Amino acid sequence: MSLQPASLHRFCLAGVLSIASAFTYAAPVNPWLANSPWPVSHQSPYAQAASPHVGPASNWRLGEPQYVETGRINITLAMSPQYGNGNRVYWGSNTGSVYKLAVINGALKRLASLDKPGSLLDNLATPTSGAYTMVDLENTFYTVRGTTLLAYRESMPGNMYSPIVLARQLELPASIADSDDALVGMNMLWDGSIAFATRDGSVGVANRDFTRVQGVKLEPGEQISNSIATDETGGIYVVSSKAMYRVQWNGSTLSRNTATGAWRAEYNAGDGLLGDGRLGLGSGSTPTLMGSGAQKFVVITDGARVANLVLFWRDGIPVDWQPVAAGKDRRIAGEIPVNFGNPDRQKTTSEQSVLVSGYGAVVVSNDYRNIDQLPDSSDIPLLDLPLLAQLRNGLIVLNSGRPLHQPWGVQKFVWDTTTRRLKSSWVRNDVSCPNAIPAMSEPSNRFYCVGAHLGSWTIESLDWSTGGNHFRKYVGVLPRWNSFYSATQLTGDGGIIYGTFNGAAYIPKRW
């Protein structure tokens, strides 16, 4: 198996494409991740979901959809390094197993699978536990179950058809996480260490051999329901149910001390209610990193009834900077309502992470309609409120592609580096991305999401700069095409792949 340095691959790609503007603020490559088009959730440690690879330019460039059953809930498919035969595998993790998929002679096939250790009922009320995964430069795949970090490899390294084996596991010590806690977020640091976060507010770092681990606690009572972002200076970015954090890693010590560069900034967390498709309290997004030089930010959507796009200064706050409004934390650089062009809008929900490229940020609507007409799970006995809320969420998302319930709206915002202000760039209220995490292609300058139209699941695409030049690829009407919170991923050769409720969907390039 060839393990080329990831940075060389991306440098050459950018040079061949000669589109300097698209790569001006591209996320730097972490050399410890697999040299592949999508090695980690949200594509890179910056969590931008912006790909350096070409995406489809029209629906005619996409072939017939394919489907492979893998088991329930498949959020991210992490792409391996390239094997000696030129192929790659997609590593996946669901509620009960890990598996490998690959495209063989044009067809998506499941090559191997292995059950995870422990009970299938572990942390059932924490649906994002195990949702975020990654594969490193040695083709080791990392996922979690409960409070245990899991590392998988092939029993015959370099053989894509090889069975999967559990290489090692790390149960978090009680000093970091209680037994009823759950690992949620995971990402790679630039020294090859693994950063992680738990539901009940622990942030930690482990080496890839699982022989050393340390952690710090966030403020009491705060919970985490999304993944984390990391940068090349050791910054670990975590959004809790109340505040945005930078936790600092210096290669040997993890710290929340402001003297090390760490910080905490509160945001509008909203009313603290779960349900209606919301998986956690406060923000519904993994923090996304934006920008370069003196204007670098962390981006989230908040928990307000009409959600805001919020930018935080990532490093030092400019000396002349004034709070954006009375009572707001001075670290907030920008805050603007996500109203999809309607200043009278009464509600906005976005459970998907913000898609970022350059100083542009796109948010999709998850405002599900007519959900009062769906069955209610509140009368199910012997279930606690968080579990009831997640069952309700699952029912809503399973129905989110139906015309009666689907949400509508995509909105792009841009940070103006001259005026240092956030503004709306374009809005499309005729495009629906019911539940999938969107993506974009920097060289193609296009936005993509798994959408829905006229009762069919689709691939929706827009021009990143203008919101125009829309195309739609119909995928299918069956529930098996439902993306169910998963990432819309570019395969690197012009195709698209995404997880579904019970499997994976692959739309190959046509030519």
Protein backbone atom coordinates (compact mmCIF):
# COMPACT_ATOMS: atom_id res chain seq x y z
CA MET A 1 0.00 0.00 0.00
CA SER A 2 1.37 3.41 -0.98
CA LEU A 3 1.37 5.95 1.83
CA GLN A 4 2.34 9.17 0.07
CA PRO A 5 2.67 12.34 2.20
CA ALA A 6 -0.77 13.97 2.15
CA SER A 7 0.70 17.44 1.77
CA LEU A 8 2.51 16.51 -1.46
CA HIS A 9 -0.71 15.17 -2.98
CA ARG A 10 -2.69 18.32 -2.23
CA PHE A 11 0.14 20.65 -3.30
CA CYS A 12 0.37 18.93 -6.68
CA LEU A 13 -3.40 18.97 -7.11
CA ALA A 14 -3.59 22.70 -6.44
CA GLY A 15 -0.76 23.33 -8.88
CA VAL A 16 -2.37 21.31 -11.66
CA LEU A 17 -5.72 23.00 -11.21
CA SER A 18 -4.13 26.48 -11.07
CA ILE A 19 -7.06 27.95 -9.21
CA ALA A 20 -5.16 29.93 -6.63
CA SER A 21 -8.15 31.87 -5.38
CA ALA A 22 -10.03 28.72 -4.39
CA PHE A 23 -7.13 27.58 -2.23
CA THR A 24 -6.18 30.92 -0.65
CA TYR A 25 -7.71 29.96 2.69
CA ALA A 26 -7.85 26.18 2.28
CA ALA A 27 -7.36 24.12 5.41
CA PRO A 28 -3.76 22.95 5.87
CA VAL A 29 -3.23 19.22 5.46
CA ASN A 30 -2.62 17.16 8.59
CA PRO A 31 0.08 14.63 7.53
CA TRP A 32 -1.03 12.11 10.17
CA LEU A 33 -4.36 11.55 8.44
CA ALA A 34 -4.76 9.29 5.44
CA ASN A 35 -3.73 10.81 2.12
CA SER A 36 -7.24 10.55 0.70
CA PRO A 37 -10.13 12.73 -0.46
CA TRP A 38 -12.08 12.33 2.83
CA PRO A 39 -10.02 10.90 5.73
CA VAL A 40 -11.97 12.38 8.63
CA SER A 41 -15.49 13.62 9.42
CA HIS A 42 -16.12 17.01 7.77
CA GLN A 43 -13.18 16.24 5.38
CA SER A 44 -10.39 17.95 7.38
CA PRO A 45 -9.47 18.80 10.99
CA TYR A 46 -10.79 22.31 10.28
CA ALA A 47 -14.21 20.64 9.76
CA GLN A 48 -14.97 22.79 6.72
CA ALA A 49 -16.37 19.99 4.48
CA ALA A 50 -14.67 21.80 1.57
CA SER A 51 -12.94 19.36 -0.75
CA PRO A 52 -9.81 20.08 -2.84
CA HIS A 53 -11.14 17.61 -5.42
CA VAL A 54 -13.36 18.16 -8.44
CA GLY A 55 -17.09 17.55 -8.00
CA PRO A 56 -19.78 16.88 -10.61
CA ALA A 57 -20.70 19.91 -12.74
CA SER A 58 -24.12 18.64 -13.84
CA ASN A 59 -26.60 15.84 -13.17
CA TRP A 60 -25.54 14.25 -16.46
CA ARG A 61 -22.08 13.69 -14.99
CA LEU A 62 -23.57 11.39 -12.33
CA GLY A 63 -24.45 7.78 -13.07
CA GLU A 64 -27.05 5.42 -11.64
CA PRO A 65 -27.23 5.33 -7.83
CA GLN A 66 -26.00 2.22 -6.01
CA TYR A 67 -26.81 1.01 -2.51
CA VAL A 68 -25.10 -1.38 -0.07
CA GLU A 69 -26.63 -2.43 3.25
CA THR A 70 -24.28 -2.07 6.22
CA GLY A 71 -26.42 -1.74 9.37
CA ARG A 72 -28.10 1.14 11.15
CA ILE A 73 -26.91 4.78 11.15
CA ASN A 74 -23.84 5.55 9.03
CA ILE A 75 -22.77 9.18 9.39
CA THR A 76 -19.26 9.31 7.87
CA LEU A 77 -17.33 7.10 5.46
CA ALA A 78 -13.59 7.67 6.01
CA MET A 79 -11.47 7.06 2.90
CA SER A 80 -8.25 5.08 3.23
CA PRO A 81 -4.86 5.78 1.70
CA GLN A 82 -4.38 4.37 -1.77
CA TYR A 83 -3.50 0.68 -2.06
CA GLY A 84 -0.92 -0.72 -4.45
CA ASN A 85 -3.67 -1.49 -6.98
CA GLY A 86 -4.72 2.17 -7.02
CA ASN A 87 -7.97 1.57 -5.12
CA ARG A 88 -9.19 2.83 -1.74
CA VAL A 89 -11.67 1.57 0.81
CA TYR A 90 -14.36 3.43 2.73
CA TRP A 91 -14.18 2.68 6.44
CA GLY A 92 -17.54 2.95 8.18
CA SER A 93 -18.90 2.76 11.70
CA ASN A 94 -22.51 2.23 12.71
CA THR A 95 -24.34 1.37 15.92
CA GLY A 96 -23.04 -2.19 16.04
CA SER A 97 -20.08 -2.72 13.74
CA VAL A 98 -17.24 -1.37 11.64
CA TYR A 99 -16.92 -2.25 7.97
CA LYS A 100 -15.08 -1.61 4.71
CA LEU A 101 -16.60 -0.74 1.35
CA ALA A 102 -14.90 -0.34 -2.01
CA VAL A 103 -15.79 0.27 -5.62
CA ILE A 104 -14.84 -2.86 -7.57
CA ASN A 105 -15.28 -2.77 -11.36
CA GLY A 106 -17.65 0.15 -10.99
CA ALA A 107 -19.81 -1.41 -8.27
CA LEU A 108 -19.88 -0.52 -4.57
CA LYS A 109 -19.31 -3.66 -2.49
CA ARG A 110 -18.92 -4.50 1.20
CA LEU A 111 -15.55 -6.19 1.70
CA ALA A 112 -15.49 -6.92 5.43
CA SER A 113 -17.22 -6.13 8.72
CA LEU A 114 -16.62 -6.72 12.42
CA ASP A 115 -18.93 -6.30 15.40
CA LYS A 116 -17.93 -3.71 17.98
CA PRO A 117 -17.27 -4.88 21.53
CA GLY A 118 -19.85 -4.18 24.22
CA SER A 119 -23.60 -3.92 24.28
CA LEU A 120 -25.62 -2.55 21.38
CA LEU A 121 -27.62 -0.58 23.94
CA ASP A 122 -24.57 1.37 25.18
CA ASN A 123 -25.31 5.10 25.17
CA LEU A 124 -28.45 4.74 23.09
CA ALA A 125 -29.53 8.22 24.20
CA THR A 126 -26.33 9.70 22.70
CA PRO A 127 -26.81 9.23 18.95
CA THR A 128 -23.71 11.24 18.00
CA SER A 129 -21.43 8.81 19.89
CA GLY A 130 -19.60 6.95 17.13
CA ALA A 131 -20.81 9.32 14.42
CA TYR A 132 -17.41 10.96 13.97
CA THR A 133 -14.53 8.83 12.72
CA MET A 134 -11.17 9.04 10.96
CA VAL A 135 -8.45 6.96 9.29
CA ASP A 136 -4.75 7.70 9.70
CA LEU A 137 -1.78 7.54 7.33
CA GLU A 138 -1.18 3.88 8.28
CA ASN A 139 -4.77 2.94 7.40
CA THR A 140 -5.80 2.55 11.05
CA PHE A 141 -9.46 3.41 11.53
CA TYR A 142 -10.63 5.12 14.73
CA THR A 143 -14.13 5.12 16.17
CA VAL A 144 -15.74 4.78 19.62
CA ARG A 145 -18.32 2.92 21.65
CA GLY A 146 -19.47 4.38 24.94
CA THR A 147 -16.38 5.66 26.75
CA THR A 148 -13.98 3.45 24.79
CA LEU A 149 -11.73 4.58 21.95
CA LEU A 150 -11.39 1.84 19.30
CA ALA A 151 -8.66 1.39 16.70
CA TYR A 152 -9.11 -1.06 13.81
CA ARG A 153 -6.75 -2.31 11.12
CA GLU A 154 -6.55 -5.03 8.51
CA SER A 155 -5.29 -8.47 9.49
CA MET A 156 -3.25 -8.42 6.27
CA PRO A 157 -1.99 -4.84 5.92
CA GLY A 158 -2.07 -3.57 2.36
CA ASN A 159 -4.70 -6.08 1.25
CA MET A 160 -8.02 -4.29 0.74
CA TYR A 161 -9.92 -7.60 0.91
CA SER A 162 -8.40 -8.41 4.30
CA PRO A 163 -10.62 -9.08 7.33
CA ILE A 164 -10.84 -6.35 9.98
CA VAL A 165 -9.30 -6.79 13.42
CA LEU A 166 -9.54 -4.69 16.58
CA ALA A 167 -5.97 -3.45 17.01
CA ARG A 168 -6.41 -1.80 20.42
CA GLN A 169 -8.92 -0.09 22.66
CA LEU A 170 -8.75 2.52 25.40
CA GLU A 171 -11.37 2.77 28.13
CA LEU A 172 -11.29 6.33 29.45
CA PRO A 173 -10.29 6.45 33.13
CA ALA A 174 -12.82 7.61 35.71
CA SER A 175 -10.78 10.79 36.19
CA ILE A 176 -11.81 11.79 32.65
CA ALA A 177 -15.23 10.21 32.11
CA ASP A 178 -17.81 8.43 34.24
CA SER A 179 -18.99 5.03 33.05
CA ASP A 180 -22.34 6.45 31.91
CA ASP A 181 -20.71 9.22 29.87
CA ALA A 182 -20.14 8.81 26.09
CA LEU A 183 -17.43 9.80 23.65
CA VAL A 184 -18.84 12.16 21.06
CA GLY A 185 -16.23 14.16 19.11
CA MET A 186 -12.87 13.03 17.75
CA ASN A 187 -10.17 14.61 15.57
CA MET A 188 -6.46 14.44 14.75
CA LEU A 189 -3.85 16.85 16.09
CA TRP A 190 -0.80 17.90 14.08
CA ASP A 191 1.58 15.84 16.23
CA GLY A 192 -0.37 12.65 15.50
CA SER A 193 -2.26 12.63 18.80
CA ILE A 194 -6.02 12.08 18.99
CA ALA A 195 -8.21 14.79 20.49
CA PHE A 196 -11.64 13.80 21.80
CA ALA A 197 -14.64 15.15 23.68
CA THR A 198 -17.34 13.45 25.75
CA ARG A 199 -21.02 14.22 26.15
CA ASP A 200 -20.66 15.33 29.78
CA GLY A 201 -17.97 17.92 29.11
CA SER A 202 -14.54 16.25 29.16
CA VAL A 203 -11.95 17.13 26.52
CA GLY A 204 -8.90 14.92 26.18
CA VAL A 205 -5.86 13.87 24.17
CA ALA A 206 -4.53 10.33 23.67
CA ASN A 207 -1.57 9.14 21.68
CA ARG A 208 -2.37 6.85 18.76
CA ASP A 209 -0.94 3.84 20.60
CA PHE A 210 -3.46 4.42 23.44
CA THR A 211 -0.67 4.26 26.03
CA ARG A 212 -1.14 7.83 27.31
CA VAL A 213 -4.25 9.90 27.87
CA GLN A 214 -5.12 13.10 29.72
CA GLY A 215 -8.17 15.31 29.96
CA VAL A 216 -9.68 18.53 31.26
CA LYS A 217 -13.23 19.38 32.25
CA LEU A 218 -15.42 22.13 30.85
CA GLU A 219 -17.67 24.14 33.17
CA PRO A 220 -20.07 22.04 35.32
CA GLY A 221 -23.42 21.19 33.76
CA GLU A 222 -22.35 21.79 30.15
CA GLN A 223 -22.82 19.04 27.58
CA ILE A 224 -21.34 18.33 24.14
CA SER A 225 -23.32 16.85 21.26
CA ASN A 226 -21.11 17.64 18.27
CA SER A 227 -17.60 16.85 17.12
CA ILE A 228 -14.54 19.06 17.47
CA ALA A 229 -12.13 20.96 15.22
CA THR A 230 -8.35 21.18 15.60
CA ASP A 231 -5.67 23.45 14.17
CA GLU A 232 -1.96 23.20 13.50
CA THR A 233 -1.04 25.16 16.66
CA GLY A 234 -2.67 22.68 19.06
CA GLY A 235 -5.99 24.46 19.36
CA ILE A 236 -8.94 22.14 20.07
CA TYR A 237 -12.31 23.81 19.41
CA VAL A 238 -15.33 22.51 21.31
CA VAL A 239 -18.85 23.92 21.49
CA SER A 240 -20.85 23.00 24.58
CA SER A 241 -24.49 23.57 25.40
CA LYS A 242 -23.55 27.04 26.72
CA ALA A 243 -20.20 28.22 25.41
CA MET A 244 -17.56 28.01 22.68
CA TYR A 245 -14.13 26.83 23.87
CA ARG A 246 -10.57 26.71 22.70
CA VAL A 247 -8.65 24.09 24.73
CA GLN A 248 -4.90 24.20 24.14
CA TRP A 249 -2.51 21.28 23.56
CA ASN A 250 1.25 22.02 23.56
CA GLY A 251 2.46 18.51 22.72
CA SER A 252 2.59 17.29 26.29
CA THR A 253 -0.02 19.17 28.32
CA LEU A 254 -3.68 19.97 27.81
CA SER A 255 -4.88 23.24 29.30
CA ARG A 256 -7.84 25.61 29.68
CA ASN A 257 -5.55 28.32 31.09
CA THR A 258 -5.90 31.56 29.10
CA ALA A 259 -2.15 32.10 29.39
CA THR A 260 -1.67 29.16 27.00
CA GLY A 261 -4.06 30.59 24.38
CA ALA A 262 -7.17 28.79 25.63
CA TRP A 263 -10.45 30.69 26.00
CA ARG A 264 -14.17 30.39 26.68
CA ALA A 265 -16.95 32.54 25.18
CA GLU A 266 -20.66 32.20 25.85
CA TYR A 267 -23.19 32.36 23.03
CA ASN A 268 -26.99 32.38 22.77
CA ALA A 269 -27.77 28.76 23.68
CA GLY A 270 -31.54 29.14 23.32
CA ASP A 271 -34.26 27.56 25.43
CA GLY A 272 -32.44 24.28 26.07
CA LEU A 273 -35.07 22.07 24.45
CA LEU A 274 -34.40 18.83 22.57
CA GLY A 275 -36.53 17.31 19.85
CA ASP A 276 -37.81 18.47 16.46
CA GLY A 277 -34.66 16.98 14.91
CA ARG A 278 -32.26 18.52 17.45
CA LEU A 279 -29.70 16.04 18.77
CA GLY A 280 -28.30 18.14 21.60
CA LEU A 281 -28.64 21.32 23.63
CA GLY A 282 -27.39 24.68 22.36
CA SER A 283 -25.55 24.77 19.05
CA GLY A 284 -26.33 22.06 16.52
CA SER A 285 -23.03 22.36 14.68
CA THR A 286 -19.48 21.09 14.94
CA PRO A 287 -17.17 24.14 15.17
CA THR A 288 -15.69 25.06 11.79
CA LEU A 289 -12.46 27.00 11.31
CA MET A 290 -12.31 29.90 8.85
CA GLY A 291 -9.77 32.34 7.49
CA SER A 292 -6.06 33.06 7.73
CA GLY A 293 -3.60 35.67 8.95
CA ALA A 294 -4.99 38.18 11.44
CA GLN A 295 -8.62 37.29 10.65
CA LYS A 296 -9.13 33.69 11.73
CA PHE A 297 -12.39 32.48 13.21
CA VAL A 298 -14.39 29.63 14.67
CA VAL A 299 -17.87 29.35 13.16
CA ILE A 300 -21.07 27.84 14.60
CA THR A 301 -24.82 28.32 14.50
CA ASP A 302 -26.27 29.14 17.91
CA GLY A 303 -29.38 27.91 19.72
CA ALA A 304 -31.55 31.01 19.35
CA ARG A 305 -35.12 30.52 18.14
CA VAL A 306 -34.04 32.18 14.90
CA ALA A 307 -30.54 30.74 14.81
CA ASN A 308 -27.59 33.03 14.24
CA LEU A 309 -24.40 32.34 12.37
CA VAL A 310 -21.70 33.24 14.91
CA LEU A 311 -18.00 33.90 14.32
CA PHE A 312 -15.48 33.95 17.19
CA TRP A 313 -11.96 35.33 16.94
CA ARG A 314 -9.81 32.20 16.95
CA ASP A 315 -6.58 33.71 18.30
CA GLY A 316 -6.03 37.14 19.84
CA ILE A 317 -8.88 39.65 19.69
CA PRO A 318 -7.93 42.84 17.80
CA VAL A 319 -7.09 45.65 20.20
CA ASP A 320 -9.65 48.00 18.64
CA TRP A 321 -12.46 45.42 18.59
CA GLN A 322 -15.75 46.36 20.27
CA PRO A 323 -18.50 43.88 21.23
CA VAL A 324 -21.00 43.29 18.40
CA ALA A 325 -23.83 44.17 20.81
CA ALA A 326 -24.33 45.05 24.45
CA GLY A 327 -23.85 42.05 26.71
CA LYS A 328 -22.13 39.95 24.03
CA ASP A 329 -18.74 38.40 24.62
CA ARG A 330 -16.01 40.51 23.04
CA ARG A 331 -14.60 37.41 21.34
CA ILE A 332 -17.66 37.25 19.07
CA ALA A 333 -16.56 38.73 15.74
CA GLY A 334 -19.86 38.45 13.90
CA GLU A 335 -23.45 37.42 14.55
CA ILE A 336 -26.19 37.43 11.92
CA PRO A 337 -29.64 35.79 11.79
CA VAL A 338 -30.04 32.77 9.54
CA ASN A 339 -33.45 33.85 8.24
CA PHE A 340 -33.22 32.64 4.62
CA GLY A 341 -34.05 36.11 3.35
CA ASN A 342 -37.13 36.63 5.52
CA PRO A 343 -36.60 39.26 8.27
CA ASP A 344 -39.96 38.26 9.80
CA ARG A 345 -39.02 34.60 10.13
CA GLN A 346 -40.05 33.22 13.54
CA LYS A 347 -37.92 30.08 13.73
CA THR A 348 -34.72 28.66 12.26
CA THR A 349 -33.21 25.31 13.14
CA SER A 350 -29.94 24.03 11.72
CA GLU A 351 -28.60 20.73 13.05
CA GLN A 352 -25.89 20.54 10.38
CA SER A 353 -22.40 21.96 10.69
CA VAL A 354 -21.59 25.18 8.86
CA LEU A 355 -19.97 24.60 5.46
CA VAL A 356 -16.97 26.91 4.98
CA SER A 357 -14.67 27.78 2.10
CA GLY A 358 -12.53 30.91 2.14
CA TYR A 359 -14.52 33.53 4.04
CA GLY A 360 -17.84 32.10 2.84
CA ALA A 361 -20.16 30.05 5.05
CA VAL A 362 -23.32 28.16 4.05
CA VAL A 363 -26.15 27.05 6.35
CA VAL A 364 -29.03 24.74 5.40
CA SER A 365 -32.48 24.68 6.97
CA ASN A 366 -33.61 21.84 9.21
CA ASP A 367 -36.97 23.43 10.02
CA TYR A 368 -39.15 20.36 9.62
CA ARG A 369 -42.76 21.16 8.83
CA ASN A 370 -46.04 19.67 10.09
CA ILE A 371 -44.24 17.41 12.55
CA ASP A 372 -47.25 17.58 14.88
CA GLN A 373 -48.89 15.18 12.40
CA LEU A 374 -46.26 12.51 13.12
CA PRO A 375 -46.81 9.96 15.92
CA ASP A 376 -45.65 11.06 19.36
CA SER A 377 -43.30 8.86 21.43
CA SER A 378 -43.94 10.61 24.75
CA ASP A 379 -46.31 7.90 26.00
CA ILE A 380 -43.77 5.08 25.65
CA PRO A 381 -43.24 3.72 29.20
CA LEU A 382 -39.91 3.14 30.94
CA LEU A 383 -37.95 5.56 28.75
CA ASP A 384 -36.25 8.72 30.02
CA LEU A 385 -36.72 12.11 28.38
CA PRO A 386 -33.43 12.23 26.40
CA LEU A 387 -34.13 8.82 24.87
CA LEU A 388 -37.70 9.82 24.06
CA ALA A 389 -36.41 12.97 22.36
CA GLN A 390 -33.98 10.94 20.25
CA LEU A 391 -36.68 8.47 19.23
CA ARG A 392 -38.80 11.43 18.20
CA ASN A 393 -35.87 12.88 16.26
CA GLY A 394 -35.35 9.60 14.44
CA LEU A 395 -38.98 9.48 13.39
CA ILE A 396 -38.84 13.07 12.13
CA VAL A 397 -35.66 12.52 10.13
CA LEU A 398 -36.97 9.28 8.64
CA ASN A 399 -39.88 11.35 7.29
CA SER A 400 -37.86 14.46 6.45
CA GLY A 401 -37.81 13.86 2.70
CA ARG A 402 -41.60 13.79 2.39
CA PRO A 403 -43.11 16.96 0.85
CA LEU A 404 -45.38 17.41 3.90
CA HIS A 405 -42.43 17.61 6.31
CA GLN A 406 -39.28 18.58 4.42
CA PRO A 407 -37.51 21.89 5.18
CA TRP A 408 -36.50 24.40 2.51
CA GLY A 409 -33.64 26.83 2.37
CA VAL A 410 -29.92 27.32 1.77
CA GLN A 411 -28.19 30.58 2.72
CA LYS A 412 -24.64 31.78 2.20
CA PHE A 413 -22.88 34.39 4.29
CA VAL A 414 -19.56 36.16 3.68
CA TRP A 415 -17.13 37.83 6.06
CA ASP A 416 -15.85 41.10 4.58
CA THR A 417 -12.18 41.36 5.58
CA THR A 418 -12.09 45.10 4.85
CA THR A 419 -15.12 46.22 6.85
CA ARG A 420 -14.82 43.27 9.29
CA ARG A 421 -18.52 42.59 8.99
CA LEU A 422 -20.64 39.52 8.28
CA LYS A 423 -23.29 39.78 5.56
CA SER A 424 -25.70 37.59 3.62
CA SER A 425 -24.53 36.73 0.11
CA TRP A 426 -27.36 34.67 -1.42
CA VAL A 427 -30.44 32.63 -0.52
CA ARG A 428 -32.20 29.73 -2.23
CA ASN A 429 -35.60 28.79 -0.84
CA ASP A 430 -36.33 26.33 -3.65
CA VAL A 431 -33.65 23.87 -2.52
CA SER A 432 -34.16 21.40 0.31
CA CYS A 433 -31.38 19.58 2.21
CA PRO A 434 -33.54 17.74 4.78
CA ASN A 435 -30.92 16.22 7.07
CA ALA A 436 -27.53 15.71 5.40
CA ILE A 437 -24.33 17.61 6.13
CA PRO A 438 -23.52 19.61 2.97
CA ALA A 439 -20.18 19.78 1.17
CA MET A 440 -18.48 21.80 -1.55
CA SER A 441 -15.74 21.40 -4.16
CA GLU A 442 -13.16 24.19 -4.18
CA PRO A 443 -11.88 23.59 -7.74
CA SER A 444 -15.43 23.17 -9.10
CA ASN A 445 -16.71 26.08 -6.95
CA ARG A 446 -19.92 24.18 -6.26
CA PHE A 447 -22.12 23.37 -3.24
CA TYR A 448 -23.63 19.87 -2.81
CA CYS A 449 -26.11 18.25 -0.45
CA VAL A 450 -28.34 15.20 -0.29
CA GLY A 451 -31.72 16.78 -0.91
CA ALA A 452 -35.32 15.88 -1.57
CA HIS A 453 -37.80 16.88 -4.27
CA LEU A 454 -41.29 15.63 -5.10
CA GLY A 455 -40.91 12.73 -2.68
CA SER A 456 -37.58 11.55 -4.09
CA TRP A 457 -34.14 11.80 -2.54
CA THR A 458 -31.78 13.85 -4.69
CA ILE A 459 -28.34 15.39 -5.03
CA GLU A 460 -28.68 19.18 -5.09
CA SER A 461 -25.90 21.44 -6.37
CA LEU A 462 -25.44 25.22 -6.60
CA ASP A 463 -22.76 27.62 -7.72
CA TRP A 464 -20.82 28.50 -4.55
CA SER A 465 -20.30 32.15 -5.50
CA THR A 466 -23.77 33.06 -6.75
CA GLY A 467 -26.21 30.34 -5.62
CA GLY A 468 -27.23 29.95 -9.27
CA ASN A 469 -26.62 27.31 -11.95
CA HIS A 470 -28.64 24.80 -9.96
CA PHE A 471 -28.76 21.14 -10.89
CA ARG A 472 -30.64 18.22 -9.34
CA LYS A 473 -29.94 14.50 -9.64
CA TYR A 474 -32.81 12.21 -8.62
CA VAL A 475 -31.56 9.31 -6.52
CA GLY A 476 -34.68 7.36 -5.52
CA VAL A 477 -37.93 7.36 -3.55
CA LEU A 478 -37.21 4.40 -1.26
CA PRO A 479 -36.30 5.03 2.41
CA ARG A 480 -32.94 3.37 1.86
CA TRP A 481 -31.73 6.57 0.12
CA ASN A 482 -32.47 8.70 3.23
CA SER A 483 -29.18 10.32 4.33
CA PHE A 484 -30.24 10.35 8.02
CA TYR A 485 -27.83 13.05 9.31
CA SER A 486 -24.91 11.76 7.23
CA ALA A 487 -22.21 13.69 5.35
CA THR A 488 -22.45 14.42 1.64
CA GLN A 489 -18.97 13.32 0.52
CA LEU A 490 -17.01 13.80 -2.70
CA THR A 491 -15.21 10.63 -3.79
CA GLY A 492 -12.31 12.48 -5.42
CA ASP A 493 -13.06 11.33 -8.97
CA GLY A 494 -16.27 13.29 -9.60
CA GLY A 495 -18.67 10.97 -7.78
CA ILE A 496 -20.61 11.30 -4.51
CA ILE A 497 -21.08 8.90 -1.61
CA TYR A 498 -23.05 9.19 1.61
CA GLY A 499 -24.26 7.08 4.50
CA THR A 500 -27.93 6.23 4.94
CA PHE A 501 -30.07 4.96 7.81
CA ASN A 502 -29.19 1.34 7.03
CA GLY A 503 -26.37 1.49 4.50
CA ALA A 504 -24.42 3.58 2.02
CA ALA A 505 -25.42 5.24 -1.26
CA TYR A 506 -22.93 5.76 -4.08
CA ILE A 507 -23.50 7.87 -7.19
CA PRO A 508 -20.56 7.28 -9.55
CA LYS A 509 -19.32 9.72 -12.15
CA ARG A 510 -20.72 9.00 -15.60
CA TRP A 511 -17.66 10.21 -17.54
